[in-house]
Amino acid sequence: MKRTSLILIASAALILLAACGKPTAEEVPAPTPQIVYVTVTPEPTPEPGPTPEEASESDILPLITDTELAEGSFPGGLDDDGPGPEGSEPVEPIELDAGTQYAANIFLSNFAEQFFADYAYDGDDFVGRAVDFAHTWYKVNDRSAIEYREFNGEPYETLTLDELNAVVSRYFPFTIDEWTMENLYIPTEYAFYQDGLLFYMAADGEAYHRIAVVRDMAMREDGVVLMDFAVYEIDIETYFGFDNGIPRSYYELTDAEASRDPTLTLAAEGMASALPHSYNGRAGYQLLDYTTWSY
């Protein structure tokens, strides 16, 4: 900056001298040498990176940056494809046709039925949260995968690493392997990982009678899908009357239809962001952020 300023000043001075007339060679005095002082600011020395022992989860796993739902992440509402608050990206509305509605509803319903708490892919213990989700997913959708074992005289529900990864990699943008479980998974008093198995203290009796209904969807320029949704609770007697789980018709509902259904009660609203993801040839998503607020 200082070097450029001094050069510009010197150039301006020469132009002014030329504008005062065109003296002959005999009239032009010898130029007085000018000393120009230039201050050069050295480039800062880069800080050394963390050692392998100091590396955090964000250094180890390929976190996807700039995808978290922050305040103002839905600029101008999901029906506005113009720029929003400073720093936000324009969004393009996504039409909620029957197929898109069903795919989005059933994706988020997997979280809503678990009473899934607020989540961020780059947040604290995101690996543990995904593992807990996978465990409950099997309890709701495929109990045959859970094997019961005893540990220190107590019954535990167990899942293999491959079974965990099958669900985690389907619903989240990362995979679970041995190293991840041994180094990034945080055990609790109810769950731990040992010898290739997730042990989860046996418990039953929960009712998974919530569904999510997407109200609006949009896509950011970086490909992240934003979802504005409502969580509805199915009447408990109606829920226990289902023979083979919640019927598909509930996952096909629009918000207008859900609000008129006498078997449903609005329980919460929420926002989520996700990446488009194909699973077994069907459209789906992988969760980045999930936030709800109850009534």
Protein backbone atom coordinates (compact mmCIF):
# COMPACT_ATOMS: atom_id res chain seq x y z
CA MET A 1 0.00 0.00 0.00
CA LYS A 2 2.78 2.49 0.94
CA ARG A 3 4.85 1.69 -2.18
CA THR A 4 1.85 2.35 -4.45
CA SER A 5 0.99 5.67 -2.79
CA LEU A 6 4.54 7.06 -3.19
CA ILE A 7 4.71 6.07 -6.84
CA LEU A 8 1.39 7.76 -7.56
CA ILE A 9 2.53 10.99 -5.84
CA ALA A 10 5.74 11.06 -7.87
CA SER A 11 3.86 10.50 -11.11
CA ALA A 12 1.41 13.30 -10.35
CA ALA A 13 4.27 15.71 -9.71
CA LEU A 14 5.83 14.98 -13.11
CA ILE A 15 2.50 15.54 -14.89
CA LEU A 16 2.10 18.98 -13.21
CA LEU A 17 5.58 20.02 -14.28
CA ALA A 18 4.85 19.04 -17.86
CA ALA A 19 1.62 21.04 -17.85
CA CYS A 20 3.41 24.31 -17.00
CA GLY A 21 4.93 24.57 -20.48
CA LYS A 22 7.41 22.90 -22.77
CA PRO A 23 10.86 24.47 -22.01
CA THR A 24 13.78 23.83 -24.31
CA ALA A 25 16.51 21.43 -23.36
CA GLU A 26 18.71 24.40 -22.22
CA GLU A 27 15.99 25.67 -19.84
CA VAL A 28 15.40 22.35 -18.08
CA PRO A 29 17.33 22.27 -14.77
CA ALA A 30 19.04 19.12 -13.66
CA PRO A 31 16.66 17.06 -11.51
CA THR A 32 17.31 16.96 -7.81
CA PRO A 33 17.72 13.39 -6.61
CA GLN A 34 14.78 12.32 -4.49
CA ILE A 35 15.05 9.77 -1.71
CA VAL A 36 11.93 7.69 -1.35
CA TYR A 37 11.51 5.68 1.83
CA VAL A 38 9.42 2.52 1.42
CA THR A 39 8.24 0.47 4.34
CA VAL A 40 7.77 -3.20 3.50
CA THR A 41 5.61 -5.22 5.88
CA PRO A 42 6.79 -8.83 5.94
CA GLU A 43 4.26 -11.62 5.42
CA PRO A 44 3.17 -13.18 8.73
CA THR A 45 4.81 -16.46 9.58
CA PRO A 46 2.14 -19.21 9.36
CA GLU A 47 1.25 -20.94 12.57
CA PRO A 48 2.34 -24.59 12.69
CA GLY A 49 -0.52 -27.08 12.21
CA PRO A 50 -1.66 -29.50 14.90
CA THR A 51 0.28 -32.65 15.52
CA PRO A 52 -1.59 -35.94 14.99
CA GLU A 53 -2.06 -36.19 18.75
CA GLU A 54 -3.64 -32.71 18.81
CA ALA A 55 -5.91 -33.22 15.79
CA SER A 56 -9.60 -32.69 16.47
CA GLU A 57 -12.63 -34.30 14.83
CA SER A 58 -12.82 -31.45 12.31
CA ASP A 59 -9.19 -32.14 11.30
CA ILE A 60 -9.80 -35.86 10.86
CA LEU A 61 -13.22 -36.19 9.24
CA PRO A 62 -14.03 -34.36 6.00
CA LEU A 63 -16.47 -31.88 7.46
CA ILE A 64 -18.64 -30.04 4.97
CA THR A 65 -18.21 -26.33 5.65
CA ASP A 66 -20.70 -23.50 5.23
CA THR A 67 -23.70 -25.81 5.38
CA GLU A 68 -24.84 -25.31 8.94
CA LEU A 69 -28.21 -23.69 9.55
CA ALA A 70 -27.44 -20.35 11.11
CA GLU A 71 -29.80 -17.49 11.83
CA GLY A 72 -31.06 -16.20 8.49
CA SER A 73 -30.30 -19.39 6.58
CA PHE A 74 -33.71 -19.22 4.94
CA PRO A 75 -33.24 -15.78 3.28
CA GLY A 76 -36.54 -14.09 2.67
CA GLY A 77 -38.39 -17.36 3.19
CA LEU A 78 -38.14 -20.50 1.09
CA ASP A 79 -40.25 -18.97 -1.70
CA ASP A 80 -37.69 -16.24 -2.30
CA ASP A 81 -34.81 -17.00 -4.66
CA GLY A 82 -33.25 -13.59 -4.22
CA PRO A 83 -30.34 -12.69 -1.95
CA GLY A 84 -31.03 -12.64 1.73
CA PRO A 85 -28.99 -11.27 4.66
CA GLU A 86 -25.35 -10.46 4.03
CA GLY A 87 -23.34 -13.65 3.64
CA SER A 88 -26.30 -15.89 2.77
CA GLU A 89 -26.68 -17.66 -0.55
CA PRO A 90 -29.58 -17.31 -2.98
CA VAL A 91 -32.00 -20.21 -2.92
CA GLU A 92 -34.11 -21.79 -5.63
CA PRO A 93 -37.56 -23.05 -4.55
CA ILE A 94 -38.19 -26.78 -5.04
CA GLU A 95 -41.66 -27.82 -6.19
CA LEU A 96 -43.32 -30.18 -3.75
CA ASP A 97 -44.84 -32.66 -6.18
CA ALA A 98 -46.11 -35.99 -4.83
CA GLY A 99 -42.77 -37.79 -5.17
CA THR A 100 -40.71 -35.00 -3.63
CA GLN A 101 -43.20 -34.58 -0.79
CA TYR A 102 -43.10 -38.27 0.08
CA ALA A 103 -39.28 -38.54 -0.10
CA ALA A 104 -38.77 -35.48 2.10
CA ASN A 105 -41.51 -36.44 4.57
CA ILE A 106 -40.26 -39.96 5.13
CA PHE A 107 -36.64 -38.82 5.41
CA LEU A 108 -37.38 -36.31 8.17
CA SER A 109 -39.94 -38.64 9.81
CA ASN A 110 -37.08 -41.00 10.63
CA PHE A 111 -35.77 -38.26 12.91
CA ALA A 112 -39.09 -36.90 14.15
CA GLU A 113 -40.31 -40.31 15.34
CA GLN A 114 -37.22 -40.58 17.57
CA PHE A 115 -37.83 -37.14 19.15
CA PHE A 116 -34.45 -36.35 17.62
CA ALA A 117 -32.82 -33.37 19.36
CA ASP A 118 -31.16 -30.43 17.61
CA TYR A 119 -28.20 -31.59 15.57
CA ALA A 120 -25.30 -30.10 13.61
CA TYR A 121 -22.90 -32.14 11.50
CA ASP A 122 -19.97 -30.05 12.74
CA GLY A 123 -21.25 -29.95 16.33
CA ASP A 124 -20.19 -31.70 19.50
CA ASP A 125 -20.29 -35.52 19.45
CA PHE A 126 -21.90 -35.67 16.02
CA VAL A 127 -20.57 -39.23 15.65
CA GLY A 128 -22.25 -40.37 18.87
CA ARG A 129 -25.52 -38.74 17.87
CA ALA A 130 -25.48 -40.53 14.51
CA VAL A 131 -24.73 -43.86 16.21
CA ASP A 132 -27.62 -43.35 18.65
CA PHE A 133 -29.88 -42.57 15.71
CA ALA A 134 -28.83 -45.80 13.96
CA HIS A 135 -29.52 -47.86 17.07
CA THR A 136 -33.04 -46.47 17.47
CA TRP A 137 -33.65 -46.76 13.71
CA TYR A 138 -33.12 -50.51 13.99
CA LYS A 139 -35.51 -50.72 16.95
CA VAL A 140 -38.21 -49.00 14.90
CA ASN A 141 -37.56 -50.49 11.46
CA ASP A 142 -35.59 -53.74 11.76
CA ARG A 143 -35.47 -55.33 15.20
CA SER A 144 -34.16 -58.57 13.71
CA ALA A 145 -30.75 -56.91 13.30
CA ILE A 146 -30.43 -56.38 17.06
CA GLU A 147 -28.86 -59.23 19.01
CA TYR A 148 -29.23 -59.40 22.78
CA ARG A 149 -26.11 -60.16 24.84
CA GLU A 150 -25.16 -59.96 28.49
CA PHE A 151 -22.35 -57.81 29.80
CA ASN A 152 -21.46 -57.85 33.50
CA GLY A 153 -24.74 -59.62 34.13
CA GLU A 154 -26.83 -56.91 32.40
CA PRO A 155 -28.78 -57.35 29.12
CA TYR A 156 -27.65 -55.23 26.18
CA GLU A 157 -28.84 -54.68 22.65
CA THR A 158 -25.90 -55.05 20.25
CA LEU A 159 -25.23 -54.09 16.65
CA THR A 160 -22.22 -54.82 14.47
CA LEU A 161 -20.06 -52.15 12.91
CA ASP A 162 -21.39 -52.99 9.43
CA GLU A 163 -24.97 -52.67 10.64
CA LEU A 164 -24.23 -49.29 12.20
CA ASN A 165 -22.52 -48.00 9.09
CA ALA A 166 -25.36 -49.14 6.82
CA VAL A 167 -27.72 -46.69 8.54
CA VAL A 168 -25.27 -43.90 9.37
CA SER A 169 -23.93 -43.63 5.81
CA ARG A 170 -27.49 -43.62 4.50
CA TYR A 171 -28.75 -40.75 6.64
CA PHE A 172 -25.55 -38.76 7.32
CA PRO A 173 -22.71 -37.57 5.02
CA PHE A 174 -19.99 -39.76 6.55
CA THR A 175 -19.22 -43.38 7.30
CA ILE A 176 -18.49 -45.28 10.48
CA ASP A 177 -15.39 -47.47 10.65
CA GLU A 178 -13.31 -49.09 13.38
CA TRP A 179 -11.01 -46.09 13.80
CA THR A 180 -13.95 -43.70 14.09
CA MET A 181 -15.63 -45.76 16.79
CA GLU A 182 -12.42 -46.22 18.77
CA ASN A 183 -11.30 -42.59 18.58
CA LEU A 184 -14.33 -40.34 18.03
CA TYR A 185 -17.24 -42.18 19.59
CA ILE A 186 -17.92 -41.03 23.14
CA PRO A 187 -19.35 -43.83 25.33
CA THR A 188 -22.06 -43.14 27.89
CA GLU A 189 -23.44 -44.97 30.91
CA TYR A 190 -25.97 -46.55 28.55
CA ALA A 191 -23.84 -47.36 25.51
CA PHE A 192 -20.28 -48.27 24.58
CA TYR A 193 -18.28 -49.86 21.76
CA GLN A 194 -16.16 -52.96 22.28
CA ASP A 195 -14.76 -55.76 20.11
CA GLY A 196 -16.58 -54.64 16.97
CA LEU A 197 -19.97 -54.31 18.66
CA LEU A 198 -22.07 -51.42 19.89
CA PHE A 199 -23.57 -52.30 23.28
CA TYR A 200 -26.73 -50.41 24.20
CA MET A 201 -28.55 -51.00 27.49
CA ALA A 202 -31.77 -52.86 26.72
CA ALA A 203 -34.97 -50.84 27.06
CA ASP A 204 -38.41 -50.97 25.48
CA GLY A 205 -41.82 -49.39 25.76
CA GLU A 206 -41.34 -46.29 23.59
CA ALA A 207 -44.01 -45.19 21.12
CA TYR A 208 -42.66 -43.86 17.83
CA HIS A 209 -45.83 -42.13 16.69
CA ARG A 210 -44.56 -38.88 15.19
CA ILE A 211 -44.22 -37.93 11.52
CA ALA A 212 -42.67 -34.94 9.75
CA VAL A 213 -44.47 -33.08 6.97
CA VAL A 214 -42.40 -30.73 4.82
CA ARG A 215 -44.00 -27.36 4.13
CA ASP A 216 -41.41 -25.74 1.87
CA MET A 217 -38.15 -26.76 0.24
CA ALA A 218 -35.40 -24.89 -1.58
CA MET A 219 -31.89 -25.51 -2.82
CA ARG A 220 -28.91 -23.24 -2.19
CA GLU A 221 -26.33 -22.52 -4.86
CA ASP A 222 -23.96 -25.01 -3.22
CA GLY A 223 -26.49 -27.84 -3.62
CA VAL A 224 -27.66 -27.96 0.01
CA VAL A 225 -31.40 -28.53 0.36
CA LEU A 226 -33.29 -26.48 2.96
CA MET A 227 -36.48 -27.86 4.49
CA ASP A 228 -39.15 -26.09 6.51
CA PHE A 229 -41.33 -28.72 8.19
CA ALA A 230 -43.91 -29.52 10.85
CA VAL A 231 -43.97 -32.45 13.25
CA TYR A 232 -47.32 -34.13 13.84
CA GLU A 233 -48.18 -36.65 16.53
CA ILE A 234 -50.50 -39.53 15.64
CA ASP A 235 -53.27 -40.27 18.12
CA ILE A 236 -51.84 -43.03 20.33
CA GLU A 237 -54.87 -45.34 20.02
CA THR A 238 -54.78 -44.93 16.25
CA TYR A 239 -51.06 -45.65 16.26
CA PHE A 240 -51.35 -48.87 18.25
CA GLY A 241 -54.16 -49.97 15.94
CA PHE A 242 -51.83 -50.13 12.93
CA ASP A 243 -50.98 -53.71 11.95
CA ASN A 244 -47.68 -53.10 10.16
CA GLY A 245 -46.40 -49.76 11.28
CA ILE A 246 -47.50 -46.31 10.16
CA PRO A 247 -49.27 -46.54 6.76
CA ARG A 248 -47.59 -44.95 3.72
CA SER A 249 -50.55 -42.56 3.34
CA TYR A 250 -49.34 -40.59 6.38
CA TYR A 251 -45.97 -39.96 4.73
CA GLU A 252 -47.66 -38.69 1.57
CA LEU A 253 -49.54 -35.88 3.32
CA THR A 254 -49.09 -32.22 2.53
CA ASP A 255 -49.11 -29.80 5.45
CA ALA A 256 -52.61 -28.63 4.52
CA GLU A 257 -53.86 -32.22 4.55
CA ALA A 258 -52.09 -33.05 7.81
CA SER A 259 -53.55 -30.01 9.55
CA ARG A 260 -57.07 -31.27 8.74
CA ASP A 261 -56.48 -34.91 9.74
CA PRO A 262 -58.36 -35.64 13.02
CA THR A 263 -55.81 -38.30 14.01
CA LEU A 264 -52.92 -35.79 13.95
CA THR A 265 -51.88 -33.07 16.39
CA LEU A 266 -49.26 -30.46 15.59
CA ALA A 267 -46.39 -31.05 18.04
CA ALA A 268 -43.48 -29.00 16.71
CA GLU A 269 -42.04 -27.05 13.81
CA GLY A 270 -38.53 -27.21 12.47
CA MET A 271 -35.87 -26.47 9.89
CA ALA A 272 -33.31 -28.81 8.41
CA SER A 273 -30.57 -28.80 5.80
CA ALA A 274 -29.44 -31.88 3.90
CA LEU A 275 -27.56 -33.14 0.89
CA PRO A 276 -29.40 -34.97 -1.91
CA HIS A 277 -28.51 -38.65 -1.74
CA SER A 278 -29.66 -41.69 -3.70
CA TYR A 279 -30.19 -44.95 -1.81
CA ASN A 280 -31.05 -48.18 -3.65
CA GLY A 281 -32.07 -46.09 -6.63
CA ARG A 282 -34.50 -43.96 -4.62
CA ALA A 283 -34.19 -40.25 -3.90
CA GLY A 284 -33.18 -39.42 -0.37
CA TYR A 285 -31.02 -37.09 1.70
CA GLN A 286 -28.16 -36.98 4.19
CA LEU A 287 -28.68 -34.75 7.22
CA LEU A 288 -26.48 -31.75 7.96
CA ASP A 289 -28.57 -29.76 10.46
CA TYR A 290 -31.85 -30.32 12.27
CA THR A 291 -33.65 -27.89 14.59
CA THR A 292 -37.13 -28.05 16.07
CA TRP A 293 -39.17 -26.05 18.55
CA SER A 294 -42.19 -27.50 20.35
CA TYR A 295 -45.53 -25.99 21.26
